[in-house]
């Protein structure tokens, strides 16, 4: 629920100044009457207690993790690409694209289990024949059920491996 439904900015300012500890004290804060205290009072007082105990400070010390770092952490935990997409609330194609870039840069280790064996081999063979710089010729040369994301991932790995050799 949006905060303005419960209280306006003036009431919020008064709440922060007064910092009531009881329902009776809360009723003395600008904008809080009997009904509002009855409906929201205990929840507001509970949040104020949590704030006083330093919970906000602890939460603010959490380090923000970039999407790439979060993905790497999930890969390190052995999560599948599908599980990572669900955990991060992203489309599988977005995760595959990010992982492809990380594989090519050497930030993530390619896992053959990400692509079904026969598809992986077909994409590798197409990369050897056609190169891996452009995806469209690879897609045209491969069976229709092989997706651009799978091609992008294997091509990134193939390019990385060829640069090493």
Foldseek 3Di string as FASTA:
>chain_A
DDPVVLHDPQQVVQCVVQVDQDLVSNCVGPPDHDVSCVVCVVVVNVVSVCVVVPVVVVVVPDDDDDLLRQLQVCVVVVDALVVSCVVVVHDSLVSLLSVLVCLLVVNDPDDPVNDPPVLLVLLLVLCVVPNLPDQVVSCVVDDVVDDSSNSSNSNSNVNSVVVVD
